[in-house]
Each structure stands twice: as C-alpha cells, then as structure tokens.
Amino acid sequence: MRLRDIAKRLRLRGRPAAGGARTGGGIRIAYTPDDDGDADPGEVVWTWVPYEDDRRQGKDRPVVVIGSTADGRLAVVPLSSHDHGDRPDADEWVAVGAGRWDGQGRDSYANVDRVLRVAARDVRREGAALDRRRFDAVVAGVRRRHPDIG
C-alpha cells in the first residue's frame, strides 16, 4: 500500500481533537508486548502520522503503542529523535532512550500530548518493545496531559 493511500484513509477516519490529541473515549491501557509481528501495547512500531499544523500531510514515524480502543484501534504516541527539553512545552515530551526502532541509535522522546488512534492494518513494521519502566513513564506522561485517559 502506498503512503498516499494510507494518508487518505487516515484523513477519512476523522481528525484528532484540538491540540492534535485524541483523549478519553475508552482507551484501554496495557503492557503486553509480544514478539509475534503484531503491534502490541508496549511496542514501538511505525505508521503514518499527520503533522499537527497540516493534517493533510505527515510522515512515516515510530510510535509507542500504549493500548487499544473499544473499536479495535491502537492508541499510540508519536516519537521524535529531537530533544525538546528546552521548550516551554517540555512536559509534552518524555524521554524513552534509544532502541532498535532507530537505526542510528539516537535517543527518542514520546510526545505525550498527542494520543492518536491508528488501525492495526496501517502499522507497517515492528521496531522493538519498550521495557516496562520506560512504558510506564510514557503512560504517566499521557495521564498528566490527559486526565480523562484511564
């Protein structure tokens, strides 16, 4: 499937709430990584993520799967290799360190302000599982930013 087709399908499914985040709505958080080729909570996988300022555009990037929704979608948080610690909104970012999802071995940061829903079929490759401590830090950051998420 081409990236353009995936982007179109994601746009047709609706847009995130203001600020780029989808909150609440029955997200079931879990830590259940399983090296079975499927995207599981606790794993870093790759999918198309829309830009915050222009949802018609985006790019393929790693995301942390934090759980699932009642309709079977994955609840994910985008990762970035850019350290945002010096920005006024630095609490939006949680350091998760380096992992196999980044071929250059760079440290990654989870944007806990953006909780997106992605269909499992739109995930194209598995990166690696986060250890429980790093996963719990991401989830704690999500809960700080979005108290309505369980």
C-alpha atoms as a PDB file:
ATOM      1  CA  MET A   1       0.000   0.000   0.000  1.00  0.00           C
ATOM      2  CA  ARG A   2       1.332   3.438  -0.887  1.00  0.00           C
ATOM      3  CA  LEU A   3       1.919   6.109   1.731  1.00  0.00           C
ATOM      4  CA  ARG A   4      -0.506   8.458  -0.042  1.00  0.00           C
ATOM      5  CA  ASP A   5      -3.297   5.863   0.206  1.00  0.00           C
ATOM      6  CA  ILE A   6      -2.656   5.342   3.909  1.00  0.00           C
ATOM      7  CA  ALA A   7      -2.707   9.094   4.493  1.00  0.00           C
ATOM      8  CA  LYS A   8      -6.026   9.376   2.681  1.00  0.00           C
ATOM      9  CA  ARG A   9      -7.585   6.587   4.769  1.00  0.00           C
ATOM     10  CA  LEU A  10      -6.405   8.190   7.997  1.00  0.00           C
ATOM     11  CA  ARG A  11      -7.900  11.541   6.987  1.00  0.00           C
ATOM     12  CA  LEU A  12     -11.222   9.934   6.154  1.00  0.00           C
ATOM     13  CA  ARG A  13     -11.471   8.419   9.631  1.00  0.00           C
ATOM     14  CA  GLY A  14     -11.691  11.764  11.353  1.00  0.00           C
ATOM     15  CA  ARG A  15      -9.397  14.259  12.932  1.00  0.00           C
ATOM     16  CA  PRO A  16      -7.902  14.387  16.405  1.00  0.00           C
ATOM     17  CA  ALA A  17      -9.305  16.819  18.940  1.00  0.00           C
ATOM     18  CA  ALA A  18      -7.798  20.281  19.360  1.00  0.00           C
ATOM     19  CA  GLY A  19      -4.087  20.211  20.034  1.00  0.00           C
ATOM     20  CA  GLY A  20      -3.622  17.068  17.981  1.00  0.00           C
ATOM     21  CA  ALA A  21      -4.642  14.644  20.693  1.00  0.00           C
ATOM     22  CA  ARG A  22      -7.482  12.206  20.964  1.00  0.00           C
ATOM     23  CA  THR A  23      -8.356  11.768  24.579  1.00  0.00           C
ATOM     24  CA  GLY A  24     -10.576   9.548  26.655  1.00  0.00           C
ATOM     25  CA  GLY A  25     -13.011   7.565  24.606  1.00  0.00           C
ATOM     26  CA  GLY A  26     -12.384   4.186  26.144  1.00  0.00           C
ATOM     27  CA  ILE A  27      -8.644   3.733  25.716  1.00  0.00           C
ATOM     28  CA  ARG A  28      -7.644   0.528  27.439  1.00  0.00           C
ATOM     29  CA  ILE A  29      -4.012   0.910  28.546  1.00  0.00           C
ATOM     30  CA  ALA A  30      -1.966  -2.254  28.885  1.00  0.00           C
ATOM     31  CA  TYR A  31       1.611  -3.514  28.716  1.00  0.00           C
ATOM     32  CA  THR A  32       1.542  -6.693  26.636  1.00  0.00           C
ATOM     33  CA  PRO A  33       4.465  -6.733  24.182  1.00  0.00           C
ATOM     34  CA  ASP A  34       4.736  -9.985  22.230  1.00  0.00           C
ATOM     35  CA  ASP A  35       7.310 -10.609  19.510  1.00  0.00           C
ATOM     36  CA  ASP A  36       4.671 -12.036  17.177  1.00  0.00           C
ATOM     37  CA  GLY A  37       4.741  -9.491  14.350  1.00  0.00           C
ATOM     38  CA  ASP A  38       1.549  -7.759  15.524  1.00  0.00           C
ATOM     39  CA  ALA A  39       1.547  -4.309  17.106  1.00  0.00           C
ATOM     40  CA  ASP A  40       1.008  -4.736  20.832  1.00  0.00           C
ATOM     41  CA  PRO A  41       0.855  -2.264  23.732  1.00  0.00           C
ATOM     42  CA  GLY A  42       4.386  -1.649  24.958  1.00  0.00           C
ATOM     43  CA  GLU A  43       5.932  -1.837  21.495  1.00  0.00           C
ATOM     44  CA  VAL A  44       7.362   0.803  19.211  1.00  0.00           C
ATOM     45  CA  VAL A  45       6.026   0.386  15.671  1.00  0.00           C
ATOM     46  CA  TRP A  46       5.977   2.512  12.523  1.00  0.00           C
ATOM     47  CA  THR A  47       2.961   4.171  10.925  1.00  0.00           C
ATOM     48  CA  TRP A  48       1.957   7.329   9.081  1.00  0.00           C
ATOM     49  CA  VAL A  49       1.464  10.280  11.477  1.00  0.00           C
ATOM     50  CA  PRO A  50      -0.150  13.545  10.330  1.00  0.00           C
ATOM     51  CA  TYR A  51       1.599  16.840  11.057  1.00  0.00           C
ATOM     52  CA  GLU A  52      -0.040  18.904  13.774  1.00  0.00           C
ATOM     53  CA  ASP A  53      -0.190  22.075  11.701  1.00  0.00           C
ATOM     54  CA  ASP A  54      -1.411  20.451   8.460  1.00  0.00           C
ATOM     55  CA  ARG A  55      -3.278  17.158   8.832  1.00  0.00           C
ATOM     56  CA  ARG A  56      -3.238  16.614   5.077  1.00  0.00           C
ATOM     57  CA  GLN A  57       0.490  15.978   5.346  1.00  0.00           C
ATOM     58  CA  GLY A  58       2.595  13.800   7.575  1.00  0.00           C
ATOM     59  CA  LYS A  59       5.307  11.197   7.543  1.00  0.00           C
ATOM     60  CA  ASP A  60       6.157   7.651   8.462  1.00  0.00           C
ATOM     61  CA  ARG A  61       7.438   7.628  12.026  1.00  0.00           C
ATOM     62  CA  PRO A  62       7.817   5.464  15.099  1.00  0.00           C
ATOM     63  CA  VAL A  63       5.049   5.459  17.693  1.00  0.00           C
ATOM     64  CA  VAL A  64       4.628   3.811  21.091  1.00  0.00           C
ATOM     65  CA  VAL A  65       1.519   1.654  21.337  1.00  0.00           C
ATOM     66  CA  ILE A  66       0.014   2.364  24.766  1.00  0.00           C
ATOM     67  CA  GLY A  67      -3.241   0.456  24.420  1.00  0.00           C
ATOM     68  CA  SER A  68      -6.323  -0.103  22.343  1.00  0.00           C
ATOM     69  CA  THR A  69      -9.793   1.321  21.897  1.00  0.00           C
ATOM     70  CA  ALA A  70     -13.203  -0.304  22.030  1.00  0.00           C
ATOM     71  CA  ASP A  71     -13.396  -0.197  18.229  1.00  0.00           C
ATOM     72  CA  GLY A  72     -10.154  -2.176  17.886  1.00  0.00           C
ATOM     73  CA  ARG A  73      -7.783   0.651  17.000  1.00  0.00           C
ATOM     74  CA  LEU A  74      -4.376   1.117  18.555  1.00  0.00           C
ATOM     75  CA  ALA A  75      -3.800   4.085  20.869  1.00  0.00           C
ATOM     76  CA  VAL A  76      -0.337   5.419  20.002  1.00  0.00           C
ATOM     77  CA  VAL A  77       2.017   8.236  20.966  1.00  0.00           C
ATOM     78  CA  PRO A  78       4.464   9.583  18.336  1.00  0.00           C
ATOM     79  CA  LEU A  79       8.219   9.504  18.919  1.00  0.00           C
ATOM     80  CA  SER A  80      10.818  12.046  17.865  1.00  0.00           C
ATOM     81  CA  SER A  81      14.613  11.963  17.914  1.00  0.00           C
ATOM     82  CA  HIS A  82      14.703  15.694  18.687  1.00  0.00           C
ATOM     83  CA  ASP A  83      15.206  16.688  22.320  1.00  0.00           C
ATOM     84  CA  HIS A  84      12.505  19.206  23.238  1.00  0.00           C
ATOM     85  CA  GLY A  85      13.657  19.687  26.833  1.00  0.00           C
ATOM     86  CA  ASP A  86      14.445  23.376  26.409  1.00  0.00           C
ATOM     87  CA  ARG A  87      10.989  24.328  25.105  1.00  0.00           C
ATOM     88  CA  PRO A  88       8.250  25.912  27.235  1.00  0.00           C
ATOM     89  CA  ASP A  89       6.045  22.879  26.496  1.00  0.00           C
ATOM     90  CA  ALA A  90       8.771  20.425  27.557  1.00  0.00           C
ATOM     91  CA  ASP A  91       6.315  18.477  29.743  1.00  0.00           C
ATOM     92  CA  GLU A  92       4.742  17.221  26.485  1.00  0.00           C
ATOM     93  CA  TRP A  93       7.862  15.114  25.921  1.00  0.00           C
ATOM     94  CA  VAL A  94       9.002  12.006  27.803  1.00  0.00           C
ATOM     95  CA  ALA A  95      12.493  10.609  27.211  1.00  0.00           C
ATOM     96  CA  VAL A  96      12.433   6.914  26.285  1.00  0.00           C
ATOM     97  CA  GLY A  97      16.086   6.455  25.284  1.00  0.00           C
ATOM     98  CA  ALA A  98      17.434   4.573  22.306  1.00  0.00           C
ATOM     99  CA  GLY A  99      16.137   1.355  20.788  1.00  0.00           C
ATOM    100  CA  ARG A 100      16.048  -0.815  17.676  1.00  0.00           C
ATOM    101  CA  TRP A 101      13.327   1.398  16.152  1.00  0.00           C
ATOM    102  CA  ASP A 102      16.052   3.965  15.325  1.00  0.00           C
ATOM    103  CA  GLY A 103      18.759   2.599  13.069  1.00  0.00           C
ATOM    104  CA  GLN A 104      21.131   5.391  14.113  1.00  0.00           C
ATOM    105  CA  GLY A 105      20.798   4.603  17.824  1.00  0.00           C
ATOM    106  CA  ARG A 106      19.535   8.079  18.721  1.00  0.00           C
ATOM    107  CA  ASP A 107      17.598   8.789  21.897  1.00  0.00           C
ATOM    108  CA  SER A 108      13.860   9.190  21.377  1.00  0.00           C
ATOM    109  CA  TYR A 109      11.194  11.292  23.050  1.00  0.00           C
ATOM    110  CA  ALA A 110       7.466  10.494  23.245  1.00  0.00           C
ATOM    111  CA  ASN A 111       5.056  13.360  22.530  1.00  0.00           C
ATOM    112  CA  VAL A 112       2.539  12.537  25.267  1.00  0.00           C
ATOM    113  CA  ASP A 113       0.340  15.448  24.222  1.00  0.00           C
ATOM    114  CA  ARG A 114      -0.614  13.588  21.018  1.00  0.00           C
ATOM    115  CA  VAL A 115      -2.527  10.373  21.608  1.00  0.00           C
ATOM    116  CA  LEU A 116      -3.649   9.099  18.216  1.00  0.00           C
ATOM    117  CA  ARG A 117      -5.788   6.183  17.121  1.00  0.00           C
ATOM    118  CA  VAL A 118      -4.455   4.013  14.321  1.00  0.00           C
ATOM    119  CA  ALA A 119      -5.912   0.946  12.637  1.00  0.00           C
ATOM    120  CA  ALA A 120      -3.655  -2.073  13.181  1.00  0.00           C
ATOM    121  CA  ARG A 121      -3.548  -2.653   9.410  1.00  0.00           C
ATOM    122  CA  ASP A 122      -1.877   0.758   8.996  1.00  0.00           C
ATOM    123  CA  VAL A 123       1.133  -0.302  11.067  1.00  0.00           C
ATOM    124  CA  ARG A 124       3.883  -1.363   8.706  1.00  0.00           C
ATOM    125  CA  ARG A 125       6.735  -2.618  10.786  1.00  0.00           C
ATOM    126  CA  GLU A 126       7.639  -3.501  14.314  1.00  0.00           C
ATOM    127  CA  GLY A 127      10.540  -1.713  15.966  1.00  0.00           C
ATOM    128  CA  ALA A 128      11.068  -3.079  19.446  1.00  0.00           C
ATOM    129  CA  ALA A 129       9.450  -3.398  22.834  1.00  0.00           C
ATOM    130  CA  LEU A 130       9.991  -0.739  25.464  1.00  0.00           C
ATOM    131  CA  ASP A 131      10.952  -2.055  28.873  1.00  0.00           C
ATOM    132  CA  ARG A 132       8.237  -1.694  31.496  1.00  0.00           C
ATOM    133  CA  ARG A 133       9.890   1.278  33.218  1.00  0.00           C
ATOM    134  CA  ARG A 134      10.017   3.361  30.011  1.00  0.00           C
ATOM    135  CA  PHE A 135       6.481   2.327  29.034  1.00  0.00           C
ATOM    136  CA  ASP A 136       5.183   3.354  32.475  1.00  0.00           C
ATOM    137  CA  ALA A 137       6.927   6.752  32.107  1.00  0.00           C
ATOM    138  CA  VAL A 138       5.162   7.338  28.759  1.00  0.00           C
ATOM    139  CA  VAL A 139       1.779   6.344  30.209  1.00  0.00           C
ATOM    140  CA  ALA A 140       2.340   8.582  33.268  1.00  0.00           C
ATOM    141  CA  GLY A 141       3.074  11.475  30.899  1.00  0.00           C
ATOM    142  CA  VAL A 142      -0.080  10.749  28.899  1.00  0.00           C
ATOM    143  CA  ARG A 143      -2.153  10.704  32.081  1.00  0.00           C
ATOM    144  CA  ARG A 144      -0.637  14.006  33.257  1.00  0.00           C
ATOM    145  CA  ARG A 145      -1.589  15.681  29.963  1.00  0.00           C
ATOM    146  CA  HIS A 146      -4.934  13.850  29.576  1.00  0.00           C
ATOM    147  CA  PRO A 147      -6.513  13.081  32.971  1.00  0.00           C
ATOM    148  CA  ASP A 148      -9.536  11.557  31.198  1.00  0.00           C
ATOM    149  CA  ILE A 149      -7.427   8.656  29.900  1.00  0.00           C
ATOM    150  CA  GLY A 150      -7.612   5.694  32.268  1.00  0.00           C
END
